[in-house]
């Protein structure tokens, strides 16, 4: 059942082209992995709201009394 037309249509890359395809595939995998790893990792700086607990000087006065 082998068809000679299919054999002629098949692409066979030489070693240099195969190495290039493999390195491009590896680079694409690396980019995807780094994209997943780094997404959502940015720091968010927020202002702290003033504390409702007594200040240190007020605590010292209570301890000293």
N, C-alpha and C. Protein backbone atom coordinates (compact mmCIF):
# COMPACT_ATOMS: atom_id res chain seq x y z
N UNK A 1 0.80 -1.20 0.00
CA UNK A 1 0.00 0.00 0.00
C UNK A 1 0.84 1.25 0.00
N UNK A 2 2.09 1.15 -0.28
CA UNK A 2 2.90 2.36 -0.28
C UNK A 2 2.69 3.10 -1.59
N UNK A 3 2.59 4.39 -1.47
CA UNK A 3 2.36 5.25 -2.63
C UNK A 3 3.60 6.09 -2.84
N UNK A 4 4.17 6.02 -4.02
CA UNK A 4 5.41 6.75 -4.28
C UNK A 4 5.20 8.26 -4.27
N UNK A 5 3.96 8.70 -4.53
CA UNK A 5 3.70 10.15 -4.50
C UNK A 5 3.89 10.71 -3.09
N UNK A 6 3.47 9.94 -2.09
CA UNK A 6 3.62 10.40 -0.71
C UNK A 6 5.08 10.47 -0.31
N UNK A 7 5.88 9.54 -0.76
CA UNK A 7 7.31 9.57 -0.46
C UNK A 7 7.99 10.79 -1.07
N UNK A 8 7.55 11.20 -2.24
CA UNK A 8 8.15 12.37 -2.89
C UNK A 8 7.70 13.66 -2.22
N UNK A 9 6.53 13.66 -1.60
CA UNK A 9 6.03 14.87 -0.96
C UNK A 9 6.61 15.07 0.44
N UNK A 10 7.14 14.04 1.01
CA UNK A 10 7.65 14.12 2.38
C UNK A 10 8.88 15.01 2.44
N UNK A 11 8.92 15.89 3.45
CA UNK A 11 10.05 16.80 3.63
C UNK A 11 11.08 16.14 4.54
N UNK A 12 12.31 16.13 4.10
CA UNK A 12 13.40 15.60 4.91
C UNK A 12 14.42 16.73 5.07
N UNK A 13 14.59 17.17 6.30
CA UNK A 13 15.51 18.28 6.57
C UNK A 13 16.93 17.75 6.70
N UNK A 14 17.88 18.55 6.25
CA UNK A 14 19.28 18.16 6.47
C UNK A 14 19.63 18.44 7.93
N UNK A 15 20.81 18.05 8.34
CA UNK A 15 21.17 18.14 9.76
C UNK A 15 21.21 19.58 10.25
N UNK A 16 21.68 20.50 9.42
CA UNK A 16 21.75 21.90 9.83
C UNK A 16 20.33 22.47 10.04
N UNK A 17 19.43 22.16 9.12
CA UNK A 17 18.06 22.66 9.24
C UNK A 17 17.36 22.00 10.44
N UNK A 18 17.65 20.75 10.69
CA UNK A 18 17.08 20.06 11.84
C UNK A 18 17.54 20.67 13.15
N UNK A 19 18.82 21.02 13.23
CA UNK A 19 19.34 21.69 14.43
C UNK A 19 18.68 23.05 14.63
N UNK A 20 18.48 23.77 13.52
CA UNK A 20 17.85 25.09 13.61
C UNK A 20 16.40 24.97 14.09
N UNK A 21 15.68 24.00 13.58
CA UNK A 21 14.29 23.78 14.00
C UNK A 21 14.24 23.41 15.48
N UNK A 22 15.16 22.55 15.91
CA UNK A 22 15.19 22.13 17.31
C UNK A 22 15.51 23.30 18.24
N UNK A 23 16.44 24.15 17.85
CA UNK A 23 16.79 25.29 18.71
C UNK A 23 15.65 26.31 18.75
N UNK A 24 14.95 26.50 17.63
CA UNK A 24 13.78 27.40 17.64
C UNK A 24 12.68 26.84 18.54
N UNK A 25 12.47 25.54 18.49
CA UNK A 25 11.46 24.93 19.34
C UNK A 25 11.83 25.07 20.81
N UNK A 26 13.10 24.87 21.14
CA UNK A 26 13.55 25.03 22.52
C UNK A 26 13.38 26.47 22.99
N UNK A 27 13.72 27.42 22.15
CA UNK A 27 13.55 28.83 22.49
C UNK A 27 12.09 29.18 22.74
N UNK A 28 11.19 28.64 21.92
CA UNK A 28 9.76 28.90 22.10
C UNK A 28 9.27 28.30 23.41
N UNK A 29 9.72 27.11 23.76
CA UNK A 29 9.32 26.48 25.02
C UNK A 29 9.82 27.31 26.20
N UNK A 30 11.05 27.80 26.10
CA UNK A 30 11.63 28.62 27.16
C UNK A 30 10.84 29.92 27.34
N UNK A 31 10.49 30.57 26.24
CA UNK A 31 9.71 31.81 26.31
C UNK A 31 8.36 31.57 26.97
N UNK A 32 7.70 30.48 26.61
CA UNK A 32 6.40 30.18 27.22
C UNK A 32 6.54 29.91 28.71
N UNK A 33 7.58 29.16 29.08
CA UNK A 33 7.79 28.84 30.49
C UNK A 33 8.09 30.09 31.30
N UNK A 34 8.94 30.97 30.77
CA UNK A 34 9.26 32.21 31.48
C UNK A 34 8.04 33.12 31.56
N UNK A 35 7.23 33.13 30.53
CA UNK A 35 6.01 33.93 30.56
C UNK A 35 5.06 33.47 31.65
N UNK A 36 4.93 32.15 31.82
CA UNK A 36 4.07 31.63 32.88
C UNK A 36 4.68 31.90 34.24
N UNK A 37 5.97 31.79 34.35
CA UNK A 37 6.63 31.95 35.64
C UNK A 37 6.58 33.39 36.13
N UNK A 38 6.76 34.33 35.20
CA UNK A 38 6.87 35.73 35.60
C UNK A 38 5.54 36.45 35.64
N UNK A 39 4.47 35.86 35.14
CA UNK A 39 3.19 36.56 35.15
C UNK A 39 2.67 36.65 36.58
N UNK A 40 2.25 37.81 36.95
CA UNK A 40 1.70 38.02 38.29
C UNK A 40 2.75 38.12 39.38
N UNK A 41 4.00 38.33 39.03
CA UNK A 41 5.05 38.38 40.03
C UNK A 41 5.51 39.80 40.34
N UNK A 42 4.90 40.79 39.73
CA UNK A 42 5.32 42.17 39.95
C UNK A 42 4.91 42.62 41.35
N UNK A 43 5.78 43.37 41.99
CA UNK A 43 5.49 43.88 43.33
C UNK A 43 4.49 45.02 43.25
N UNK A 44 3.62 45.08 44.23
CA UNK A 44 2.64 46.16 44.32
C UNK A 44 2.91 46.90 45.61
N UNK A 45 3.21 48.18 45.48
CA UNK A 45 3.51 48.99 46.64
C UNK A 45 2.24 49.73 47.07
N UNK A 46 1.86 49.55 48.30
CA UNK A 46 0.67 50.22 48.83
C UNK A 46 1.07 51.02 50.06
N UNK A 47 0.32 52.06 50.32
CA UNK A 47 0.56 52.86 51.53
C UNK A 47 -0.09 52.17 52.70
N UNK A 48 0.60 52.17 53.80
CA UNK A 48 0.03 51.61 55.01
C UNK A 48 -0.91 52.63 55.63
N UNK A 49 -2.03 52.15 56.09
CA UNK A 49 -2.95 53.05 56.77
C UNK A 49 -2.42 53.30 58.18
N UNK A 50 -2.72 54.45 58.75
CA UNK A 50 -2.22 54.73 60.11
C UNK A 50 -2.76 53.69 61.09
N UNK A 51 -1.92 53.30 61.98
CA UNK A 51 -2.28 52.28 62.96
C UNK A 51 -3.22 52.85 63.99
N UNK A 52 -4.18 52.05 64.44
CA UNK A 52 -5.12 52.50 65.47
C UNK A 52 -4.63 52.15 66.87
N UNK A 53 -3.54 51.39 66.95
CA UNK A 53 -3.02 51.03 68.26
C UNK A 53 -2.28 52.24 68.86
N UNK A 54 -2.16 52.29 70.19
CA UNK A 54 -1.47 53.44 70.82
C UNK A 54 -0.02 53.52 70.36
N UNK A 55 0.48 54.71 70.33
CA UNK A 55 1.87 54.94 69.92
C UNK A 55 2.83 54.42 70.99
N UNK A 56 4.08 54.24 70.62
CA UNK A 56 5.09 53.71 71.53
C UNK A 56 5.24 54.61 72.75
N UNK A 57 5.21 55.94 72.56
CA UNK A 57 5.37 56.85 73.70
C UNK A 57 4.20 56.69 74.69
N UNK A 58 2.99 56.46 74.17
CA UNK A 58 1.85 56.25 75.06
C UNK A 58 1.98 54.93 75.81
N UNK A 59 2.53 53.92 75.18
CA UNK A 59 2.73 52.63 75.83
C UNK A 59 3.77 52.77 76.94
N UNK A 60 4.83 53.55 76.68
CA UNK A 60 5.87 53.75 77.69
C UNK A 60 5.30 54.47 78.92
N UNK A 61 4.38 55.42 78.70
CA UNK A 61 3.79 56.14 79.82
C UNK A 61 2.96 55.19 80.69
N UNK A 62 2.25 54.26 80.06
CA UNK A 62 1.44 53.31 80.79
C UNK A 62 2.33 52.37 81.60
N UNK A 63 3.42 51.94 81.02
CA UNK A 63 4.35 51.03 81.71
C UNK A 63 5.01 51.76 82.88
N UNK A 64 5.40 53.03 82.69
CA UNK A 64 6.09 53.78 83.73
C UNK A 64 5.17 54.12 84.90
N UNK A 65 3.88 54.19 84.67
CA UNK A 65 2.95 54.61 85.75
C UNK A 65 2.70 53.54 86.76
